[in-house]
Amino acid sequence: MSFDVNEYYSRLNGGDVLMAFKGNISSELISNVLEVVESRMDEYSESSKIRKKVYNVLVESLQNLYHHIEVLPPEMEAVFDERFGILVVSRVDDKYRISTGNFISQEKVDVLRNKIDKINSMGKEELKDMYKFILNHQRLSDKGGGGLGLVDIARKTGNRLEYTFEKYNDVYYFFNLDVYIDFAQ
């Protein structure tokens, strides 16, 4: 097994970290994270426009993480909680970075990669049109979403969604999504 969760988590903790968490992703955690990040942004005297954007993207990122957590690889069940995920919010250079990570089954990797690549290939107007299309033709998935989250994040940030799939074993990968929000937007 080449992927090490703890090493990955340590790598994410570079820059000025506002919040770092690895463990059980719950609705209570989401509320706590939002409070902590909002408080930390107060310390930076960030403009209300940037604070709102970071907050909104963080909400979407946390909801994606919460709703799309998968079953852990069996050998990880004794080490981590059932709803294991990673979240790190940091200031890196002239941007805020929201990093999320969770295990994903191998059969879902290509679908997710294709979805993100499609979103990344679109311009501002195309993303707006896709967003409207999904809103008007939305069917809720078994996870409770309609597929708006990643599109909304791309629209709000104006940046590409950066991602990796780290192979854990033949059945599981670890999915990492990095979202960047520029200070000067």
C-alpha atoms as a PDB file:
ATOM      1  CA  MET A   1       0.000   0.000   0.000  1.00  0.00           C
ATOM      2  CA  SER A   2       1.708   3.112  -1.222  1.00  0.00           C
ATOM      3  CA  PHE A   3      -0.737   5.728   0.094  1.00  0.00           C
ATOM      4  CA  ASP A   4      -0.333   6.858   3.708  1.00  0.00           C
ATOM      5  CA  VAL A   5      -3.177   8.974   5.140  1.00  0.00           C
ATOM      6  CA  ASN A   6      -1.062  10.499   7.908  1.00  0.00           C
ATOM      7  CA  GLU A   7       1.722  11.505   5.514  1.00  0.00           C
ATOM      8  CA  TYR A   8      -0.855  13.043   3.157  1.00  0.00           C
ATOM      9  CA  TYR A   9      -2.442  14.984   6.052  1.00  0.00           C
ATOM     10  CA  SER A  10       0.979  16.301   7.113  1.00  0.00           C
ATOM     11  CA  ARG A  11       1.649  17.482   3.545  1.00  0.00           C
ATOM     12  CA  LEU A  12      -1.569  19.508   3.542  1.00  0.00           C
ATOM     13  CA  ASN A  13      -0.612  21.324   6.709  1.00  0.00           C
ATOM     14  CA  GLY A  14       1.747  23.690   4.903  1.00  0.00           C
ATOM     15  CA  GLY A  15       1.124  27.416   4.780  1.00  0.00           C
ATOM     16  CA  ASP A  16      -0.959  29.319   7.292  1.00  0.00           C
ATOM     17  CA  VAL A  17      -3.529  26.751   8.479  1.00  0.00           C
ATOM     18  CA  LEU A  18      -6.872  28.122   9.693  1.00  0.00           C
ATOM     19  CA  MET A  19      -8.374  24.711  10.375  1.00  0.00           C
ATOM     20  CA  ALA A  20      -7.203  21.123  10.014  1.00  0.00           C
ATOM     21  CA  PHE A  21      -9.245  18.019  10.762  1.00  0.00           C
ATOM     22  CA  LYS A  22      -9.092  14.312  10.067  1.00  0.00           C
ATOM     23  CA  GLY A  23     -11.736  11.977  11.424  1.00  0.00           C
ATOM     24  CA  ASN A  24     -15.477  11.456  11.492  1.00  0.00           C
ATOM     25  CA  ILE A  25     -17.334  13.834   9.164  1.00  0.00           C
ATOM     26  CA  SER A  26     -20.627  14.686  10.887  1.00  0.00           C
ATOM     27  CA  SER A  27     -23.207  17.465  10.751  1.00  0.00           C
ATOM     28  CA  GLU A  28     -21.914  18.721  14.131  1.00  0.00           C
ATOM     29  CA  LEU A  29     -18.405  18.921  12.701  1.00  0.00           C
ATOM     30  CA  ILE A  30     -19.635  21.006   9.781  1.00  0.00           C
ATOM     31  CA  SER A  31     -21.154  23.593  12.144  1.00  0.00           C
ATOM     32  CA  ASN A  32     -17.998  23.701  14.263  1.00  0.00           C
ATOM     33  CA  VAL A  33     -15.701  24.053  11.252  1.00  0.00           C
ATOM     34  CA  LEU A  34     -17.732  26.944   9.877  1.00  0.00           C
ATOM     35  CA  GLU A  35     -17.567  28.750  13.236  1.00  0.00           C
ATOM     36  CA  VAL A  36     -13.811  28.230  13.601  1.00  0.00           C
ATOM     37  CA  VAL A  37     -12.992  29.337  10.056  1.00  0.00           C
ATOM     38  CA  GLU A  38     -15.236  32.395  10.346  1.00  0.00           C
ATOM     39  CA  SER A  39     -13.526  33.340  13.596  1.00  0.00           C
ATOM     40  CA  ARG A  40     -10.058  32.848  12.111  1.00  0.00           C
ATOM     41  CA  MET A  41     -10.957  34.990   9.093  1.00  0.00           C
ATOM     42  CA  ASP A  42     -12.007  37.747  11.510  1.00  0.00           C
ATOM     43  CA  GLU A  43      -8.436  37.706  12.814  1.00  0.00           C
ATOM     44  CA  TYR A  44      -7.180  38.466   9.289  1.00  0.00           C
ATOM     45  CA  SER A  45      -9.632  41.359   8.845  1.00  0.00           C
ATOM     46  CA  GLU A  46     -10.579  39.830   5.513  1.00  0.00           C
ATOM     47  CA  SER A  47     -13.016  41.744   3.277  1.00  0.00           C
ATOM     48  CA  SER A  48     -16.634  40.678   3.534  1.00  0.00           C
ATOM     49  CA  LYS A  49     -16.596  39.649  -0.145  1.00  0.00           C
ATOM     50  CA  ILE A  50     -13.703  37.201   0.350  1.00  0.00           C
ATOM     51  CA  ARG A  51     -15.110  35.948   3.672  1.00  0.00           C
ATOM     52  CA  LYS A  52     -18.472  35.236   2.040  1.00  0.00           C
ATOM     53  CA  LYS A  53     -16.825  33.433  -0.891  1.00  0.00           C
ATOM     54  CA  VAL A  54     -14.615  31.291   1.380  1.00  0.00           C
ATOM     55  CA  TYR A  55     -17.587  30.511   3.623  1.00  0.00           C
ATOM     56  CA  ASN A  56     -19.838  29.526   0.697  1.00  0.00           C
ATOM     57  CA  VAL A  57     -17.176  27.349  -0.939  1.00  0.00           C
ATOM     58  CA  LEU A  58     -16.383  25.766   2.419  1.00  0.00           C
ATOM     59  CA  VAL A  59     -20.078  24.909   2.936  1.00  0.00           C
ATOM     60  CA  GLU A  60     -20.237  23.263  -0.523  1.00  0.00           C
ATOM     61  CA  SER A  61     -16.964  21.407   0.067  1.00  0.00           C
ATOM     62  CA  LEU A  62     -18.119  20.100   3.444  1.00  0.00           C
ATOM     63  CA  GLN A  63     -21.489  19.042   2.048  1.00  0.00           C
ATOM     64  CA  ASN A  64     -19.756  17.168  -0.777  1.00  0.00           C
ATOM     65  CA  LEU A  65     -17.488  15.468   1.719  1.00  0.00           C
ATOM     66  CA  TYR A  66     -20.363  14.641   4.076  1.00  0.00           C
ATOM     67  CA  HIS A  67     -22.668  13.268   1.381  1.00  0.00           C
ATOM     68  CA  HIS A  68     -20.084  11.314  -0.586  1.00  0.00           C
ATOM     69  CA  ILE A  69     -18.149   9.528   2.143  1.00  0.00           C
ATOM     70  CA  GLU A  70     -17.778   5.866   1.262  1.00  0.00           C
ATOM     71  CA  VAL A  71     -17.112   2.751   3.255  1.00  0.00           C
ATOM     72  CA  LEU A  72     -13.500   2.541   4.391  1.00  0.00           C
ATOM     73  CA  PRO A  73     -11.105  -0.144   3.221  1.00  0.00           C
ATOM     74  CA  PRO A  74     -11.563  -3.039   5.701  1.00  0.00           C
ATOM     75  CA  GLU A  75      -8.067  -2.705   7.193  1.00  0.00           C
ATOM     76  CA  MET A  76      -8.751   1.000   7.929  1.00  0.00           C
ATOM     77  CA  GLU A  77     -11.987   0.354   9.849  1.00  0.00           C
ATOM     78  CA  ALA A  78     -10.078  -0.360  13.068  1.00  0.00           C
ATOM     79  CA  VAL A  79      -7.967   2.806  12.646  1.00  0.00           C
ATOM     80  CA  PHE A  80     -10.505   5.451  11.553  1.00  0.00           C
ATOM     81  CA  ASP A  81     -14.162   6.268  12.084  1.00  0.00           C
ATOM     82  CA  GLU A  82     -16.661   4.923   9.591  1.00  0.00           C
ATOM     83  CA  ARG A  83     -17.260   8.374   8.048  1.00  0.00           C
ATOM     84  CA  PHE A  84     -13.568   9.265   7.753  1.00  0.00           C
ATOM     85  CA  GLY A  85     -12.505  12.342   5.877  1.00  0.00           C
ATOM     86  CA  ILE A  86      -9.889  15.066   5.897  1.00  0.00           C
ATOM     87  CA  LEU A  87     -10.339  18.825   5.756  1.00  0.00           C
ATOM     88  CA  VAL A  88      -7.673  21.524   5.771  1.00  0.00           C
ATOM     89  CA  VAL A  89      -8.360  25.239   5.262  1.00  0.00           C
ATOM     90  CA  SER A  90      -5.257  27.351   4.814  1.00  0.00           C
ATOM     91  CA  ARG A  91      -3.818  30.541   3.370  1.00  0.00           C
ATOM     92  CA  VAL A  92      -1.209  29.730   0.743  1.00  0.00           C
ATOM     93  CA  ASP A  93       0.513  32.639  -0.989  1.00  0.00           C
ATOM     94  CA  ASP A  94      -2.282  34.948  -2.192  1.00  0.00           C
ATOM     95  CA  LYS A  95      -5.099  32.392  -1.930  1.00  0.00           C
ATOM     96  CA  TYR A  96      -7.218  30.450   0.495  1.00  0.00           C
ATOM     97  CA  ARG A  97      -7.018  26.701  -0.089  1.00  0.00           C
ATOM     98  CA  ILE A  98      -9.782  24.319   0.959  1.00  0.00           C
ATOM     99  CA  SER A  99      -8.566  20.723   0.784  1.00  0.00           C
ATOM    100  CA  THR A 100     -10.836  17.751   1.321  1.00  0.00           C
ATOM    101  CA  GLY A 101     -10.071  14.067   1.090  1.00  0.00           C
ATOM    102  CA  ASN A 102     -11.823  10.746   1.449  1.00  0.00           C
ATOM    103  CA  PHE A 103     -11.610   7.151   0.293  1.00  0.00           C
ATOM    104  CA  ILE A 104     -13.454   6.263  -2.894  1.00  0.00           C
ATOM    105  CA  SER A 105     -14.018   2.911  -4.546  1.00  0.00           C
ATOM    106  CA  GLN A 106     -12.040   2.259  -7.714  1.00  0.00           C
ATOM    107  CA  GLU A 107     -15.165   1.928  -9.863  1.00  0.00           C
ATOM    108  CA  LYS A 108     -16.155   5.566  -9.133  1.00  0.00           C
ATOM    109  CA  VAL A 109     -12.787   7.122  -9.968  1.00  0.00           C
ATOM    110  CA  ASP A 110     -13.318   7.527 -13.727  1.00  0.00           C
ATOM    111  CA  VAL A 111     -16.827   8.963 -13.344  1.00  0.00           C
ATOM    112  CA  LEU A 112     -15.621  11.581 -10.858  1.00  0.00           C
ATOM    113  CA  ARG A 113     -12.459  12.361 -12.858  1.00  0.00           C
ATOM    114  CA  ASN A 114     -14.535  12.876 -16.026  1.00  0.00           C
ATOM    115  CA  LYS A 115     -16.997  15.111 -14.201  1.00  0.00           C
ATOM    116  CA  ILE A 116     -14.251  17.325 -12.765  1.00  0.00           C
ATOM    117  CA  ASP A 117     -12.368  17.443 -16.076  1.00  0.00           C
ATOM    118  CA  LYS A 118     -15.557  18.533 -17.849  1.00  0.00           C
ATOM    119  CA  ILE A 119     -16.140  21.276 -15.257  1.00  0.00           C
ATOM    120  CA  ASN A 120     -12.502  22.400 -15.564  1.00  0.00           C
ATOM    121  CA  SER A 121     -12.801  22.648 -19.350  1.00  0.00           C
ATOM    122  CA  MET A 122     -15.726  25.083 -19.187  1.00  0.00           C
ATOM    123  CA  GLY A 123     -15.659  28.848 -19.270  1.00  0.00           C
ATOM    124  CA  LYS A 124     -17.665  31.134 -17.017  1.00  0.00           C
ATOM    125  CA  GLU A 125     -20.760  31.219 -19.267  1.00  0.00           C
ATOM    126  CA  GLU A 126     -20.696  27.465 -19.869  1.00  0.00           C
ATOM    127  CA  LEU A 127     -20.569  26.844 -16.102  1.00  0.00           C
ATOM    128  CA  LYS A 128     -23.477  29.230 -15.625  1.00  0.00           C
ATOM    129  CA  ASP A 129     -25.493  27.383 -18.292  1.00  0.00           C
ATOM    130  CA  MET A 130     -24.618  23.995 -16.786  1.00  0.00           C
ATOM    131  CA  TYR A 131     -25.645  25.234 -13.335  1.00  0.00           C
ATOM    132  CA  LYS A 132     -29.022  26.432 -14.666  1.00  0.00           C
ATOM    133  CA  PHE A 133     -29.529  23.165 -16.571  1.00  0.00           C
ATOM    134  CA  ILE A 134     -28.877  21.066 -13.460  1.00  0.00           C
ATOM    135  CA  LEU A 135     -31.209  23.285 -11.405  1.00  0.00           C
ATOM    136  CA  ASN A 136     -34.017  22.918 -13.950  1.00  0.00           C
ATOM    137  CA  HIS A 137     -33.536  19.192 -14.618  1.00  0.00           C
ATOM    138  CA  GLN A 138     -32.360  18.080 -11.212  1.00  0.00           C
ATOM    139  CA  ARG A 139     -33.055  14.630  -9.918  1.00  0.00           C
ATOM    140  CA  LEU A 140     -31.846  13.965  -6.414  1.00  0.00           C
ATOM    141  CA  SER A 141     -29.334  11.166  -6.216  1.00  0.00           C
ATOM    142  CA  ASP A 142     -29.364   8.493  -3.542  1.00  0.00           C
ATOM    143  CA  LYS A 143     -26.795  10.663  -1.722  1.00  0.00           C
ATOM    144  CA  GLY A 144     -29.280  13.561  -1.617  1.00  0.00           C
ATOM    145  CA  GLY A 145     -27.636  15.849  -4.163  1.00  0.00           C
ATOM    146  CA  GLY A 146     -28.293  16.793  -7.726  1.00  0.00           C
ATOM    147  CA  GLY A 147     -24.727  17.302  -8.892  1.00  0.00           C
ATOM    148  CA  LEU A 148     -24.546  21.053  -8.336  1.00  0.00           C
ATOM    149  CA  GLY A 149     -21.777  21.143  -5.727  1.00  0.00           C
ATOM    150  CA  LEU A 150     -18.659  20.975  -7.895  1.00  0.00           C
ATOM    151  CA  VAL A 151     -20.174  23.219 -10.565  1.00  0.00           C
ATOM    152  CA  ASP A 152     -21.094  25.777  -7.901  1.00  0.00           C
ATOM    153  CA  ILE A 153     -17.592  25.667  -6.405  1.00  0.00           C
ATOM    154  CA  ALA A 154     -16.008  26.244  -9.835  1.00  0.00           C
ATOM    155  CA  ARG A 155     -18.390  29.134 -10.512  1.00  0.00           C
ATOM    156  CA  LYS A 156     -17.777  30.822  -7.171  1.00  0.00           C
ATOM    157  CA  THR A 157     -13.992  30.532  -7.240  1.00  0.00           C
ATOM    158  CA  GLY A 158     -13.351  31.129 -10.932  1.00  0.00           C
ATOM    159  CA  ASN A 159     -10.500  28.619 -10.569  1.00  0.00           C
ATOM    160  CA  ARG A 160      -9.907  25.076 -11.733  1.00  0.00           C
ATOM    161  CA  LEU A 161     -10.684  22.269  -9.322  1.00  0.00           C
ATOM    162  CA  GLU A 162      -7.395  20.556  -8.535  1.00  0.00           C
ATOM    163  CA  TYR A 163      -7.584  16.892  -7.621  1.00  0.00           C
ATOM    164  CA  THR A 164      -5.677  13.660  -7.231  1.00  0.00           C
ATOM    165  CA  PHE A 165      -6.614  10.026  -6.831  1.00  0.00           C
ATOM    166  CA  GLU A 166      -3.991   8.236  -4.750  1.00  0.00           C
ATOM    167  CA  LYS A 167      -4.129   4.468  -5.174  1.00  0.00           C
ATOM    168  CA  TYR A 168      -4.544   2.751  -1.823  1.00  0.00           C
ATOM    169  CA  ASN A 169      -5.062  -0.787  -3.106  1.00  0.00           C
ATOM    170  CA  ASP A 170      -6.826  -2.527  -6.016  1.00  0.00           C
ATOM    171  CA  VAL A 171     -10.271  -1.580  -4.673  1.00  0.00           C
ATOM    172  CA  TYR A 172      -9.808   1.863  -3.065  1.00  0.00           C
ATOM    173  CA  TYR A 173      -8.310   5.216  -3.913  1.00  0.00           C
ATOM    174  CA  PHE A 174      -7.994   8.323  -1.786  1.00  0.00           C
ATOM    175  CA  PHE A 175      -9.612  11.317  -3.480  1.00  0.00           C
ATOM    176  CA  ASN A 176      -8.157  14.752  -2.725  1.00  0.00           C
ATOM    177  CA  LEU A 177      -9.811  17.963  -3.911  1.00  0.00           C
ATOM    178  CA  ASP A 178      -8.060  21.331  -3.582  1.00  0.00           C
ATOM    179  CA  VAL A 179     -10.098  24.462  -4.167  1.00  0.00           C
ATOM    180  CA  TYR A 180      -8.407  27.856  -4.345  1.00  0.00           C
ATOM    181  CA  ILE A 181      -9.998  31.252  -3.682  1.00  0.00           C
ATOM    182  CA  ASP A 182      -7.942  34.287  -4.667  1.00  0.00           C
ATOM    183  CA  PHE A 183      -7.627  37.135  -2.134  1.00  0.00           C
ATOM    184  CA  ALA A 184      -8.097  39.785  -4.780  1.00  0.00           C
ATOM    185  CA  GLN A 185     -11.451  38.736  -6.180  1.00  0.00           C
END
